[in-house]
Amino acid sequence: MREKTRKKSKKKSIEKNKTKANRRKKDYRTSVDLQKVIDFKFKALGKIYKNFTEERKKKKVKIEKLKNNNREKQIKEEQKKLKEEETRVAQINEVKEAEKIEKENLQKIEERLKDKY
């Protein structure tokens, strides 16, 4: 019985040694993929950079929106100013025309008075 157990134990130990040796050989055969190592090491940096670029894009969009809003406000203000100027010019023209008419009327009245006397 002892012999059987010894044979079995020897077989088991030999198989264990073989499997260990095979594992070591496999480990040496498989080369380390540098890209995978770098990706693993720099995952955090990649995420940080991605977040940074996304935030930068969001800021740019906000700034563009603000610029567009400011442009629209400026355009509206300019339009208001132009309308005000047009109304002022129209009022000035009306006043000038009224003055001309008054002068003409005064001249006519003076001529009538001169003719009478």
Protein backbone atom coordinates (compact mmCIF):
# COMPACT_ATOMS: atom_id res chain seq x y z
CA MET A 1 0.00 0.00 0.00
CA ARG A 2 2.74 2.30 0.77
CA GLU A 3 4.17 1.77 -2.64
CA LYS A 4 0.91 2.76 -4.28
CA THR A 5 0.67 5.88 -2.25
CA ARG A 6 4.28 6.73 -2.98
CA LYS A 7 3.74 6.27 -6.71
CA LYS A 8 0.63 8.40 -6.60
CA SER A 9 2.34 11.11 -4.62
CA LYS A 10 5.33 11.04 -6.97
CA LYS A 11 3.02 11.37 -9.97
CA LYS A 12 1.20 14.27 -8.38
CA SER A 13 4.40 16.07 -7.49
CA ILE A 14 5.79 15.51 -10.99
CA GLU A 15 2.59 16.86 -12.54
CA LYS A 16 2.70 19.89 -10.27
CA ASN A 17 6.28 20.57 -11.25
CA LYS A 18 5.41 20.21 -14.93
CA THR A 19 2.48 22.59 -14.68
CA LYS A 20 4.62 25.15 -12.82
CA ALA A 21 7.32 24.85 -15.43
CA ASN A 22 4.81 25.22 -18.23
CA ARG A 23 3.37 28.32 -16.60
CA ARG A 24 6.81 29.86 -16.29
CA LYS A 25 7.55 29.11 -19.93
CA LYS A 26 4.27 30.69 -20.98
CA ASP A 27 5.00 33.75 -18.92
CA TYR A 28 8.37 34.16 -20.59
CA ARG A 29 6.95 33.55 -24.03
CA THR A 30 4.21 36.16 -23.77
CA SER A 31 5.75 39.54 -24.22
CA VAL A 32 4.39 42.49 -22.33
CA ASP A 33 2.26 44.69 -24.54
CA LEU A 34 3.63 48.15 -23.98
CA GLN A 35 0.48 49.87 -25.22
CA LYS A 36 -1.61 48.04 -22.63
CA VAL A 37 0.79 48.95 -19.86
CA ILE A 38 0.84 52.59 -20.88
CA ASP A 39 -2.94 52.66 -21.22
CA PHE A 40 -3.32 51.19 -17.78
CA LYS A 41 -0.82 53.58 -16.23
CA PHE A 42 -2.23 56.67 -17.87
CA LYS A 43 -5.96 55.98 -17.67
CA ALA A 44 -6.39 58.60 -14.99
CA LEU A 45 -4.42 61.17 -16.98
CA GLY A 46 -6.48 60.39 -20.06
CA LYS A 47 -9.72 60.94 -18.17
CA ILE A 48 -8.44 64.17 -16.67
CA TYR A 49 -7.37 65.46 -20.08
CA LYS A 50 -10.69 64.46 -21.64
CA ASN A 51 -12.60 66.29 -18.90
CA PHE A 52 -10.35 69.31 -19.35
CA THR A 53 -10.97 69.46 -23.10
CA GLU A 54 -14.73 69.06 -22.61
CA GLU A 55 -14.77 71.89 -20.07
CA ARG A 56 -12.76 74.06 -22.45
CA LYS A 57 -15.30 73.41 -25.23
CA LYS A 58 -18.17 74.27 -22.89
CA LYS A 59 -16.48 77.53 -21.92
CA LYS A 60 -15.95 78.42 -25.57
CA VAL A 61 -19.62 77.78 -26.32
CA LYS A 62 -20.66 79.97 -23.38
CA ILE A 63 -18.37 82.77 -24.50
CA GLU A 64 -19.73 82.55 -28.06
CA LYS A 65 -23.29 82.73 -26.75
CA LEU A 66 -22.42 85.77 -24.68
CA LYS A 67 -20.78 87.40 -27.68
CA ASN A 68 -23.83 86.68 -29.81
CA ASN A 69 -26.12 88.10 -27.15
CA ASN A 70 -23.94 91.20 -26.84
CA ARG A 71 -23.96 91.64 -30.62
CA GLU A 72 -27.73 91.37 -30.69
CA LYS A 73 -28.02 93.95 -27.92
CA GLN A 74 -25.66 96.29 -29.73
CA ILE A 75 -27.60 95.91 -32.96
CA LYS A 76 -30.86 96.67 -31.16
CA GLU A 77 -29.33 99.72 -29.49
CA GLU A 78 -27.98 100.97 -32.81
CA GLN A 79 -31.39 100.50 -34.41
CA LYS A 80 -32.99 102.46 -31.58
CA LYS A 81 -30.44 105.24 -31.99
CA LEU A 82 -31.07 105.36 -35.73
CA LYS A 83 -34.81 105.60 -35.19
CA GLU A 84 -34.33 108.37 -32.64
CA GLU A 85 -32.07 110.25 -35.05
CA GLU A 86 -34.60 109.84 -37.85
CA THR A 87 -37.38 111.19 -35.67
CA ARG A 88 -35.16 114.11 -34.60
CA VAL A 89 -34.29 114.87 -38.20
CA ALA A 90 -37.96 114.67 -39.15
CA GLN A 91 -38.90 117.01 -36.30
CA ILE A 92 -36.14 119.46 -37.27
CA ASN A 93 -37.33 119.41 -40.88
CA GLU A 94 -40.91 120.06 -39.76
CA VAL A 95 -39.76 122.96 -37.62
CA LYS A 96 -37.74 124.42 -40.52
CA GLU A 97 -40.69 124.06 -42.87
CA ALA A 98 -42.95 125.71 -40.33
CA GLU A 99 -40.47 128.59 -39.97
CA LYS A 100 -40.32 129.03 -43.76
CA ILE A 101 -44.08 129.11 -43.96
CA GLU A 102 -44.23 131.66 -41.14
CA LYS A 103 -41.62 133.84 -42.86
CA GLU A 104 -43.54 133.67 -46.13
CA ASN A 105 -46.75 134.53 -44.34
CA LEU A 106 -45.05 137.45 -42.57
CA GLN A 107 -43.65 138.71 -45.88
CA LYS A 108 -47.09 138.51 -47.48
CA ILE A 109 -48.61 140.37 -44.56
CA GLU A 110 -45.91 143.06 -44.73
CA GLU A 111 -46.45 143.43 -48.48
CA ARG A 112 -50.18 143.85 -47.95
CA LEU A 113 -49.57 146.43 -45.30
CA LYS A 114 -47.17 148.31 -47.56
CA ASP A 115 -49.66 148.22 -50.41
CA LYS A 116 -52.37 149.64 -48.20
CA TYR A 117 -50.28 152.56 -47.01
